[in-house]
Amino acid sequence: MSHIVITAAIIITIDIRTRAHGYIDMKQLDVASMTGDDLRRIFVSGDGYCLLVNHGIDMQIIKAAFDAAKSYHALPIQYKMSMKHKGDFKGYQPIDTQITHILGRVDNEELLPNHNESVFFKREGNIWPDIPGFQHDVETVANKLENLSQKLVVKFVDMLEISHIASMFPKPLYYTLRLTRYPKMQYEPGRYGLAAHRDTSFMTLLCQDGNQGLSVRDRFGIWHDVPGDMNKIVLVAGLQLRDMTFGEVIAAPHRVVGGEERYAMPFFVMAETNISH
């Protein structure tokens, strides 16, 4: 069943069967056979996010990274605080100490600090905890996510016919990997696991631990829960990609309201915007 929505002289056809049961049946993107047209349907005609299947990353690698994250967040707070990042997002960020940045914020409501704790890693200069196998497991998943990101960047460039931005993605890529723990919590006004926002990255690849907690907002302002399937990676377009396409690509707002304890592993890919053409 479909209906037609007319906005700004653009006719968009929506299959409303995908909105059943409180979940959005996001278009699954098969990485092994994806085309530029597939991306355009999702990120230009659609709502700016999808689930990646057949992405080529072994589930044991993702599970090992989540096990590493759980080991890290189980460390004494004093130890984690000794690794606190100094504004460079390499290291620990304590719980209830970060408010969603104004650049990515979606709503104007007064916000309390986000109820999560995270540890950040980049390609170099990281602070590694004394946990056996931790660095290996984190670097392994980061390398796999980077390889997948390189493939996606090529497809985005082809889709948008913007070959001039290809040089903004050097090899190796600029990235940030975040291992986040969301404690069990109940929602209250202004308090979120992660308040509604758009990522400032070019794109974000999000691995989930199997527990639902993420929700995304479609182009009509309706929020939908995203299944927390560990076998699928959520791909979200960010503000860099939106701005490079003058708003043609949708940068999807998303949030974590609350619920059971949950771990998430977003991989933020950034373009080097200081390169001249």
C-alpha atoms as a PDB file:
ATOM      1  CA  MET A   1       0.000   0.000   0.000  1.00  0.00           C
ATOM      2  CA  SER A   2       1.408   3.386  -0.972  1.00  0.00           C
ATOM      3  CA  HIS A   3       0.390   6.967  -0.791  1.00  0.00           C
ATOM      4  CA  ILE A   4       1.732  10.126  -2.375  1.00  0.00           C
ATOM      5  CA  VAL A   5       3.159  13.053  -0.446  1.00  0.00           C
ATOM      6  CA  ILE A   6       3.756  16.320  -2.268  1.00  0.00           C
ATOM      7  CA  THR A   7       6.277  18.687  -0.707  1.00  0.00           C
ATOM      8  CA  ALA A   8       8.057  21.571  -2.429  1.00  0.00           C
ATOM      9  CA  ALA A   9       6.863  20.303  -5.800  1.00  0.00           C
ATOM     10  CA  ILE A  10       8.618  16.969  -5.230  1.00  0.00           C
ATOM     11  CA  ILE A  11       6.492  13.832  -5.398  1.00  0.00           C
ATOM     12  CA  ILE A  12       7.643  11.093  -3.048  1.00  0.00           C
ATOM     13  CA  THR A  13       6.083   7.625  -2.967  1.00  0.00           C
ATOM     14  CA  ILE A  14       6.164   5.899   0.406  1.00  0.00           C
ATOM     15  CA  ASP A  15       5.291   2.282   1.107  1.00  0.00           C
ATOM     16  CA  ILE A  16       3.493   2.666   4.419  1.00  0.00           C
ATOM     17  CA  ARG A  17       3.737  -1.066   5.105  1.00  0.00           C
ATOM     18  CA  THR A  18       7.303  -0.374   6.219  1.00  0.00           C
ATOM     19  CA  ARG A  19       5.979   1.610   9.208  1.00  0.00           C
ATOM     20  CA  ALA A  20       4.224  -1.313  10.918  1.00  0.00           C
ATOM     21  CA  HIS A  21       4.654  -2.362  14.551  1.00  0.00           C
ATOM     22  CA  GLY A  22       6.640   0.691  15.633  1.00  0.00           C
ATOM     23  CA  TYR A  23       9.687  -0.311  13.619  1.00  0.00           C
ATOM     24  CA  ILE A  24      10.764   1.158  10.323  1.00  0.00           C
ATOM     25  CA  ASP A  25      11.635  -1.561   7.827  1.00  0.00           C
ATOM     26  CA  MET A  26      14.734   0.286   6.699  1.00  0.00           C
ATOM     27  CA  LYS A  27      15.990  -0.608   3.269  1.00  0.00           C
ATOM     28  CA  GLN A  28      18.716  -3.142   3.673  1.00  0.00           C
ATOM     29  CA  LEU A  29      21.745  -2.361   1.570  1.00  0.00           C
ATOM     30  CA  ASP A  30      23.637  -5.393   0.310  1.00  0.00           C
ATOM     31  CA  VAL A  31      27.242  -4.226   0.289  1.00  0.00           C
ATOM     32  CA  ALA A  32      28.288  -7.044  -2.038  1.00  0.00           C
ATOM     33  CA  SER A  33      25.980  -5.873  -4.823  1.00  0.00           C
ATOM     34  CA  MET A  34      25.180  -2.237  -4.001  1.00  0.00           C
ATOM     35  CA  THR A  35      25.009   0.404  -6.716  1.00  0.00           C
ATOM     36  CA  GLY A  36      24.963   4.165  -6.748  1.00  0.00           C
ATOM     37  CA  ASP A  37      21.258   4.015  -7.490  1.00  0.00           C
ATOM     38  CA  ASP A  38      20.726   1.992  -4.318  1.00  0.00           C
ATOM     39  CA  LEU A  39      22.402   4.703  -2.270  1.00  0.00           C
ATOM     40  CA  ARG A  40      20.434   7.438  -4.007  1.00  0.00           C
ATOM     41  CA  ARG A  41      17.127   5.744  -3.175  1.00  0.00           C
ATOM     42  CA  ILE A  42      18.113   5.550   0.477  1.00  0.00           C
ATOM     43  CA  PHE A  43      19.976   8.794   1.068  1.00  0.00           C
ATOM     44  CA  VAL A  44      18.316  11.187  -1.381  1.00  0.00           C
ATOM     45  CA  SER A  45      14.802   9.858  -1.856  1.00  0.00           C
ATOM     46  CA  GLY A  46      14.767   8.128   1.529  1.00  0.00           C
ATOM     47  CA  ASP A  47      15.533   9.184   5.085  1.00  0.00           C
ATOM     48  CA  GLY A  48      19.334   9.058   5.229  1.00  0.00           C
ATOM     49  CA  TYR A  49      20.020   5.726   6.891  1.00  0.00           C
ATOM     50  CA  CYS A  50      19.916   2.000   6.197  1.00  0.00           C
ATOM     51  CA  LEU A  51      21.069  -1.378   7.453  1.00  0.00           C
ATOM     52  CA  LEU A  52      24.138  -2.896   5.798  1.00  0.00           C
ATOM     53  CA  VAL A  53      24.035  -6.635   5.126  1.00  0.00           C
ATOM     54  CA  ASN A  54      26.717  -8.833   3.574  1.00  0.00           C
ATOM     55  CA  HIS A  55      29.207  -6.208   4.744  1.00  0.00           C
ATOM     56  CA  GLY A  56      32.103  -8.654   4.932  1.00  0.00           C
ATOM     57  CA  ILE A  57      33.025  -8.170   8.597  1.00  0.00           C
ATOM     58  CA  ASP A  58      33.082 -11.431  10.529  1.00  0.00           C
ATOM     59  CA  MET A  59      30.710 -11.410  13.506  1.00  0.00           C
ATOM     60  CA  GLN A  60      33.444 -12.792  15.741  1.00  0.00           C
ATOM     61  CA  ILE A  61      35.474  -9.636  15.114  1.00  0.00           C
ATOM     62  CA  ILE A  62      32.538  -7.408  16.091  1.00  0.00           C
ATOM     63  CA  LYS A  63      31.725  -9.556  19.117  1.00  0.00           C
ATOM     64  CA  ALA A  64      35.354  -9.465  20.259  1.00  0.00           C
ATOM     65  CA  ALA A  65      35.281  -5.663  20.075  1.00  0.00           C
ATOM     66  CA  PHE A  66      32.114  -5.548  22.183  1.00  0.00           C
ATOM     67  CA  ASP A  67      33.678  -7.927  24.705  1.00  0.00           C
ATOM     68  CA  ALA A  68      36.654  -5.559  24.831  1.00  0.00           C
ATOM     69  CA  ALA A  69      34.312  -2.616  25.405  1.00  0.00           C
ATOM     70  CA  LYS A  70      32.609  -4.421  28.279  1.00  0.00           C
ATOM     71  CA  SER A  71      35.984  -5.242  29.830  1.00  0.00           C
ATOM     72  CA  TYR A  72      37.022  -1.621  29.550  1.00  0.00           C
ATOM     73  CA  HIS A  73      33.873  -0.164  31.089  1.00  0.00           C
ATOM     74  CA  ALA A  74      34.110  -2.684  33.961  1.00  0.00           C
ATOM     75  CA  LEU A  75      37.413  -1.121  35.046  1.00  0.00           C
ATOM     76  CA  PRO A  76      37.479   1.011  38.226  1.00  0.00           C
ATOM     77  CA  ILE A  77      36.456   4.601  37.596  1.00  0.00           C
ATOM     78  CA  GLN A  78      39.763   5.865  38.968  1.00  0.00           C
ATOM     79  CA  TYR A  79      41.634   3.899  36.308  1.00  0.00           C
ATOM     80  CA  LYS A  80      39.367   5.132  33.513  1.00  0.00           C
ATOM     81  CA  MET A  81      39.671   8.729  34.727  1.00  0.00           C
ATOM     82  CA  SER A  82      43.453   8.453  34.387  1.00  0.00           C
ATOM     83  CA  MET A  83      42.764   7.993  30.657  1.00  0.00           C
ATOM     84  CA  LYS A  84      40.291  10.882  30.317  1.00  0.00           C
ATOM     85  CA  HIS A  85      40.589  12.615  26.952  1.00  0.00           C
ATOM     86  CA  LYS A  86      41.727  16.229  26.831  1.00  0.00           C
ATOM     87  CA  GLY A  87      39.384  17.478  24.144  1.00  0.00           C
ATOM     88  CA  ASP A  88      41.070  15.462  21.389  1.00  0.00           C
ATOM     89  CA  PHE A  89      38.658  12.511  21.704  1.00  0.00           C
ATOM     90  CA  LYS A  90      41.406  10.003  22.396  1.00  0.00           C
ATOM     91  CA  GLY A  91      40.528   8.385  25.688  1.00  0.00           C
ATOM     92  CA  TYR A  92      37.764   8.203  28.254  1.00  0.00           C
ATOM     93  CA  GLN A  93      34.653  10.355  28.623  1.00  0.00           C
ATOM     94  CA  PRO A  94      32.874   9.878  31.964  1.00  0.00           C
ATOM     95  CA  ILE A  95      29.163   9.405  32.330  1.00  0.00           C
ATOM     96  CA  ASP A  96      26.910  12.488  32.498  1.00  0.00           C
ATOM     97  CA  THR A  97      29.650  14.905  31.384  1.00  0.00           C
ATOM     98  CA  GLN A  98      28.765  15.617  27.735  1.00  0.00           C
ATOM     99  CA  ILE A  99      25.875  17.608  26.279  1.00  0.00           C
ATOM    100  CA  THR A 100      25.010  17.192  22.609  1.00  0.00           C
ATOM    101  CA  HIS A 101      26.894  19.847  20.624  1.00  0.00           C
ATOM    102  CA  ILE A 102      24.857  22.717  19.224  1.00  0.00           C
ATOM    103  CA  LEU A 103      26.129  22.001  15.670  1.00  0.00           C
ATOM    104  CA  GLY A 104      24.435  18.634  15.544  1.00  0.00           C
ATOM    105  CA  ARG A 105      21.494  19.294  17.847  1.00  0.00           C
ATOM    106  CA  VAL A 106      18.044  18.692  16.418  1.00  0.00           C
ATOM    107  CA  ASP A 107      15.657  20.193  18.967  1.00  0.00           C
ATOM    108  CA  ASN A 108      15.745  23.287  21.128  1.00  0.00           C
ATOM    109  CA  GLU A 109      14.739  21.605  24.388  1.00  0.00           C
ATOM    110  CA  GLU A 110      16.899  22.167  27.432  1.00  0.00           C
ATOM    111  CA  LEU A 111      19.132  19.124  27.778  1.00  0.00           C
ATOM    112  CA  LEU A 112      20.783  17.371  30.668  1.00  0.00           C
ATOM    113  CA  PRO A 113      24.141  15.650  30.051  1.00  0.00           C
ATOM    114  CA  ASN A 114      23.949  12.450  28.016  1.00  0.00           C
ATOM    115  CA  HIS A 115      23.719   9.378  30.243  1.00  0.00           C
ATOM    116  CA  ASN A 116      26.505   7.294  28.747  1.00  0.00           C
ATOM    117  CA  GLU A 117      30.217   6.718  29.125  1.00  0.00           C
ATOM    118  CA  SER A 118      32.582   6.261  26.206  1.00  0.00           C
ATOM    119  CA  VAL A 119      36.157   5.677  25.212  1.00  0.00           C
ATOM    120  CA  PHE A 120      37.455   7.080  21.912  1.00  0.00           C
ATOM    121  CA  PHE A 121      40.178   5.887  19.579  1.00  0.00           C
ATOM    122  CA  LYS A 122      41.717   7.324  16.438  1.00  0.00           C
ATOM    123  CA  ARG A 123      44.374   5.945  14.145  1.00  0.00           C
ATOM    124  CA  GLU A 124      47.323   7.165  16.195  1.00  0.00           C
ATOM    125  CA  GLY A 125      48.163   8.565  19.587  1.00  0.00           C
ATOM    126  CA  ASN A 126      45.731   6.446  21.577  1.00  0.00           C
ATOM    127  CA  ILE A 127      45.868   5.610  25.268  1.00  0.00           C
ATOM    128  CA  TRP A 128      45.495   1.847  25.634  1.00  0.00           C
ATOM    129  CA  PRO A 129      44.278   0.156  28.824  1.00  0.00           C
ATOM    130  CA  ASP A 130      46.142  -2.736  30.373  1.00  0.00           C
ATOM    131  CA  ILE A 131      43.640  -5.384  29.239  1.00  0.00           C
ATOM    132  CA  PRO A 132      45.022  -8.465  27.457  1.00  0.00           C
ATOM    133  CA  GLY A 133      44.037  -8.479  23.789  1.00  0.00           C
ATOM    134  CA  PHE A 134      42.180  -5.156  24.007  1.00  0.00           C
ATOM    135  CA  GLN A 135      44.308  -3.176  21.559  1.00  0.00           C
ATOM    136  CA  HIS A 136      44.342  -6.043  19.060  1.00  0.00           C
ATOM    137  CA  ASP A 137      40.569  -6.465  19.115  1.00  0.00           C
ATOM    138  CA  VAL A 138      39.854  -2.736  18.824  1.00  0.00           C
ATOM    139  CA  GLU A 139      42.389  -2.132  16.052  1.00  0.00           C
ATOM    140  CA  THR A 140      41.108  -5.178  14.158  1.00  0.00           C
ATOM    141  CA  VAL A 141      37.502  -3.975  14.088  1.00  0.00           C
ATOM    142  CA  ALA A 142      38.638  -0.439  13.250  1.00  0.00           C
ATOM    143  CA  ASN A 143      40.622  -1.732  10.252  1.00  0.00           C
ATOM    144  CA  LYS A 144      37.636  -3.732   9.018  1.00  0.00           C
ATOM    145  CA  LEU A 145      35.278  -0.774   9.394  1.00  0.00           C
ATOM    146  CA  GLU A 146      37.761   1.450   7.571  1.00  0.00           C
ATOM    147  CA  ASN A 147      37.960  -0.967   4.635  1.00  0.00           C
ATOM    148  CA  LEU A 148      34.172  -1.045   4.441  1.00  0.00           C
ATOM    149  CA  SER A 149      34.072   2.760   4.629  1.00  0.00           C
ATOM    150  CA  GLN A 150      36.465   3.064   1.693  1.00  0.00           C
ATOM    151  CA  LYS A 151      34.054   1.027  -0.449  1.00  0.00           C
ATOM    152  CA  LEU A 152      31.123   3.174   0.631  1.00  0.00           C
ATOM    153  CA  VAL A 153      32.949   6.432  -0.093  1.00  0.00           C
ATOM    154  CA  VAL A 154      33.581   5.270  -3.675  1.00  0.00           C
ATOM    155  CA  LYS A 155      29.891   4.468  -4.090  1.00  0.00           C
ATOM    156  CA  PHE A 156      28.807   7.816  -2.650  1.00  0.00           C
ATOM    157  CA  VAL A 157      31.124   9.660  -5.041  1.00  0.00           C
ATOM    158  CA  ASP A 158      29.693   7.703  -7.991  1.00  0.00           C
ATOM    159  CA  MET A 159      26.105   8.203  -6.819  1.00  0.00           C
ATOM    160  CA  LEU A 160      26.412  11.941  -6.492  1.00  0.00           C
ATOM    161  CA  GLU A 161      28.706  12.446  -9.461  1.00  0.00           C
ATOM    162  CA  ILE A 162      31.019  14.534  -7.298  1.00  0.00           C
ATOM    163  CA  SER A 163      34.397  13.091  -8.179  1.00  0.00           C
ATOM    164  CA  HIS A 164      36.111  16.268  -6.945  1.00  0.00           C
ATOM    165  CA  ILE A 165      35.518  15.200  -3.319  1.00  0.00           C
ATOM    166  CA  ALA A 166      37.418  11.940  -3.748  1.00  0.00           C
ATOM    167  CA  SER A 167      40.655  13.654  -2.744  1.00  0.00           C
ATOM    168  CA  MET A 168      39.064  14.590   0.585  1.00  0.00           C
ATOM    169  CA  PHE A 169      39.323  10.952   1.639  1.00  0.00           C
ATOM    170  CA  PRO A 170      42.992  10.072   1.933  1.00  0.00           C
ATOM    171  CA  LYS A 171      44.138   6.538   2.498  1.00  0.00           C
ATOM    172  CA  PRO A 172      44.188   5.843   5.372  1.00  0.00           C
ATOM    173  CA  LEU A 173      40.935   7.578   6.322  1.00  0.00           C
ATOM    174  CA  TYR A 174      40.358  10.052   9.129  1.00  0.00           C
ATOM    175  CA  TYR A 175      38.140   8.307  11.650  1.00  0.00           C
ATOM    176  CA  THR A 176      37.066   8.109  15.274  1.00  0.00           C
ATOM    177  CA  LEU A 177      35.912   4.859  16.875  1.00  0.00           C
ATOM    178  CA  ARG A 178      33.761   5.187  19.985  1.00  0.00           C
ATOM    179  CA  LEU A 179      33.000   2.359  22.427  1.00  0.00           C
ATOM    180  CA  THR A 180      29.925   3.475  24.339  1.00  0.00           C
ATOM    181  CA  ARG A 181      28.105   2.025  27.318  1.00  0.00           C
ATOM    182  CA  TYR A 182      24.533   3.117  28.009  1.00  0.00           C
ATOM    183  CA  PRO A 183      23.515   2.181  31.571  1.00  0.00           C
ATOM    184  CA  LYS A 184      19.969   1.058  32.249  1.00  0.00           C
ATOM    185  CA  MET A 185      17.821   4.166  32.598  1.00  0.00           C
ATOM    186  CA  GLN A 186      14.298   5.479  32.366  1.00  0.00           C
ATOM    187  CA  TYR A 187      13.514   8.486  30.215  1.00  0.00           C
ATOM    188  CA  GLU A 188      12.738  11.825  31.820  1.00  0.00           C
ATOM    189  CA  PRO A 189      12.302  15.188  30.057  1.00  0.00           C
ATOM    190  CA  GLY A 190      15.624  16.478  28.741  1.00  0.00           C
ATOM    191  CA  ARG A 191      17.529  13.380  29.811  1.00  0.00           C
ATOM    192  CA  TYR A 192      18.672  10.863  27.217  1.00  0.00           C
ATOM    193  CA  GLY A 193      21.214   8.167  26.751  1.00  0.00           C
ATOM    194  CA  LEU A 194      22.120  10.315  23.752  1.00  0.00           C
ATOM    195  CA  ALA A 195      20.003  13.319  22.829  1.00  0.00           C
ATOM    196  CA  ALA A 196      18.614  13.790  19.326  1.00  0.00           C
ATOM    197  CA  HIS A 197      21.339  14.947  16.950  1.00  0.00           C
ATOM    198  CA  ARG A 198      22.843  14.686  13.490  1.00  0.00           C
ATOM    199  CA  ASP A 199      26.419  13.457  13.226  1.00  0.00           C
ATOM    200  CA  THR A 200      28.974  16.025  12.100  1.00  0.00           C
ATOM    201  CA  SER A 201      30.834  13.299  10.174  1.00  0.00           C
ATOM    202  CA  PHE A 202      30.621  12.465   6.475  1.00  0.00           C
ATOM    203  CA  MET A 203      29.018   9.184   7.445  1.00  0.00           C
ATOM    204  CA  THR A 204      28.774   6.926  10.476  1.00  0.00           C
ATOM    205  CA  LEU A 205      28.833   3.140  10.620  1.00  0.00           C
ATOM    206  CA  LEU A 206      27.187   1.908  13.816  1.00  0.00           C
ATOM    207  CA  CYS A 207      27.600  -1.580  15.253  1.00  0.00           C
ATOM    208  CA  GLN A 208      25.123  -2.630  17.957  1.00  0.00           C
ATOM    209  CA  ASP A 209      25.377  -5.313  20.633  1.00  0.00           C
ATOM    210  CA  GLY A 210      22.001  -6.911  19.901  1.00  0.00           C
ATOM    211  CA  ASN A 211      19.982  -4.709  22.279  1.00  0.00           C
ATOM    212  CA  GLN A 212      17.548  -2.158  20.880  1.00  0.00           C
ATOM    213  CA  GLY A 213      17.975   1.445  21.980  1.00  0.00           C
ATOM    214  CA  LEU A 214      18.629   3.546  18.880  1.00  0.00           C
ATOM    215  CA  SER A 215      15.823   5.438  17.176  1.00  0.00           C
ATOM    216  CA  VAL A 216      15.918   7.539  14.011  1.00  0.00           C
ATOM    217  CA  ARG A 217      13.674  10.304  12.676  1.00  0.00           C
ATOM    218  CA  ASP A 218      12.314  10.180   9.158  1.00  0.00           C
ATOM    219  CA  ARG A 219      11.869  13.163   6.835  1.00  0.00           C
ATOM    220  CA  PHE A 220       8.326  13.638   8.167  1.00  0.00           C
ATOM    221  CA  GLY A 221       9.474  14.041  11.769  1.00  0.00           C
ATOM    222  CA  ILE A 222       8.371  10.608  13.004  1.00  0.00           C
ATOM    223  CA  TRP A 223      10.709   8.650  15.278  1.00  0.00           C
ATOM    224  CA  HIS A 224      11.230   4.921  14.699  1.00  0.00           C
ATOM    225  CA  ASP A 225      13.062   2.301  16.744  1.00  0.00           C
ATOM    226  CA  VAL A 226      15.931   0.546  14.994  1.00  0.00           C
ATOM    227  CA  PRO A 227      16.349  -3.188  15.688  1.00  0.00           C
ATOM    228  CA  GLY A 228      19.612  -3.815  17.536  1.00  0.00           C
ATOM    229  CA  ASP A 229      20.803  -6.648  15.272  1.00  0.00           C
ATOM    230  CA  MET A 230      24.524  -7.304  15.717  1.00  0.00           C
ATOM    231  CA  ASN A 231      24.685  -8.913  12.280  1.00  0.00           C
ATOM    232  CA  LYS A 232      23.760  -5.675  10.514  1.00  0.00           C
ATOM    233  CA  ILE A 233      25.561  -2.323  10.561  1.00  0.00           C
ATOM    234  CA  VAL A 234      23.577   0.905  10.610  1.00  0.00           C
ATOM    235  CA  LEU A 235      24.804   3.432   8.036  1.00  0.00           C
ATOM    236  CA  VAL A 236      23.889   7.060   8.728  1.00  0.00           C
ATOM    237  CA  ALA A 237      24.709  10.074   6.551  1.00  0.00           C
ATOM    238  CA  GLY A 238      26.273  13.001   8.401  1.00  0.00           C
ATOM    239  CA  LEU A 239      26.326  16.777   8.089  1.00  0.00           C
ATOM    240  CA  GLN A 240      29.491  16.803   5.973  1.00  0.00           C
ATOM    241  CA  LEU A 241      27.785  14.708   3.310  1.00  0.00           C
ATOM    242  CA  ARG A 242      24.624  16.781   3.527  1.00  0.00           C
ATOM    243  CA  ASP A 243      26.542  20.035   3.105  1.00  0.00           C
ATOM    244  CA  MET A 244      28.674  18.689   0.230  1.00  0.00           C
ATOM    245  CA  THR A 245      25.465  17.943  -1.643  1.00  0.00           C
ATOM    246  CA  PHE A 246      23.796  21.242  -0.713  1.00  0.00           C
ATOM    247  CA  GLY A 247      21.154  19.412   1.262  1.00  0.00           C
ATOM    248  CA  GLU A 248      20.365  16.796  -1.373  1.00  0.00           C
ATOM    249  CA  VAL A 249      21.403  14.000   0.987  1.00  0.00           C
ATOM    250  CA  ILE A 250      19.468  13.653   4.228  1.00  0.00           C
ATOM    251  CA  ALA A 251      21.536  13.673   7.439  1.00  0.00           C
ATOM    252  CA  ALA A 252      19.367  11.492   9.645  1.00  0.00           C
ATOM    253  CA  PRO A 253      18.575  12.670  13.196  1.00  0.00           C
ATOM    254  CA  HIS A 254      18.932   9.881  15.748  1.00  0.00           C
ATOM    255  CA  ARG A 255      18.916   9.396  19.517  1.00  0.00           C
ATOM    256  CA  VAL A 256      19.023   6.909  22.403  1.00  0.00           C
ATOM    257  CA  VAL A 257      16.154   7.515  24.806  1.00  0.00           C
ATOM    258  CA  GLY A 258      16.791   4.861  27.444  1.00  0.00           C
ATOM    259  CA  GLY A 259      16.063   1.280  28.356  1.00  0.00           C
ATOM    260  CA  GLU A 260      18.223  -1.685  29.316  1.00  0.00           C
ATOM    261  CA  GLU A 261      22.018  -1.534  29.495  1.00  0.00           C
ATOM    262  CA  ARG A 262      23.393  -1.388  25.993  1.00  0.00           C
ATOM    263  CA  TYR A 263      26.731  -1.099  24.168  1.00  0.00           C
ATOM    264  CA  ALA A 264      27.218   0.616  20.819  1.00  0.00           C
ATOM    265  CA  MET A 265      30.236   1.097  18.564  1.00  0.00           C
ATOM    266  CA  PRO A 266      29.955   4.030  16.140  1.00  0.00           C
ATOM    267  CA  PHE A 267      32.710   4.562  13.570  1.00  0.00           C
ATOM    268  CA  PHE A 268      32.772   8.180  12.370  1.00  0.00           C
ATOM    269  CA  VAL A 269      34.342   8.846   8.953  1.00  0.00           C
ATOM    270  CA  MET A 270      35.475  12.409   8.296  1.00  0.00           C
ATOM    271  CA  ALA A 271      36.380  14.139   5.054  1.00  0.00           C
ATOM    272  CA  GLU A 272      39.499  16.302   4.955  1.00  0.00           C
ATOM    273  CA  THR A 273      37.817  19.596   4.096  1.00  0.00           C
ATOM    274  CA  ASN A 274      41.007  21.683   4.155  1.00  0.00           C
ATOM    275  CA  ILE A 275      42.174  20.232   0.842  1.00  0.00           C
ATOM    276  CA  SER A 276      41.990  22.757  -1.993  1.00  0.00           C
ATOM    277  CA  HIS A 277      40.866  21.800  -5.528  1.00  0.00           C
END
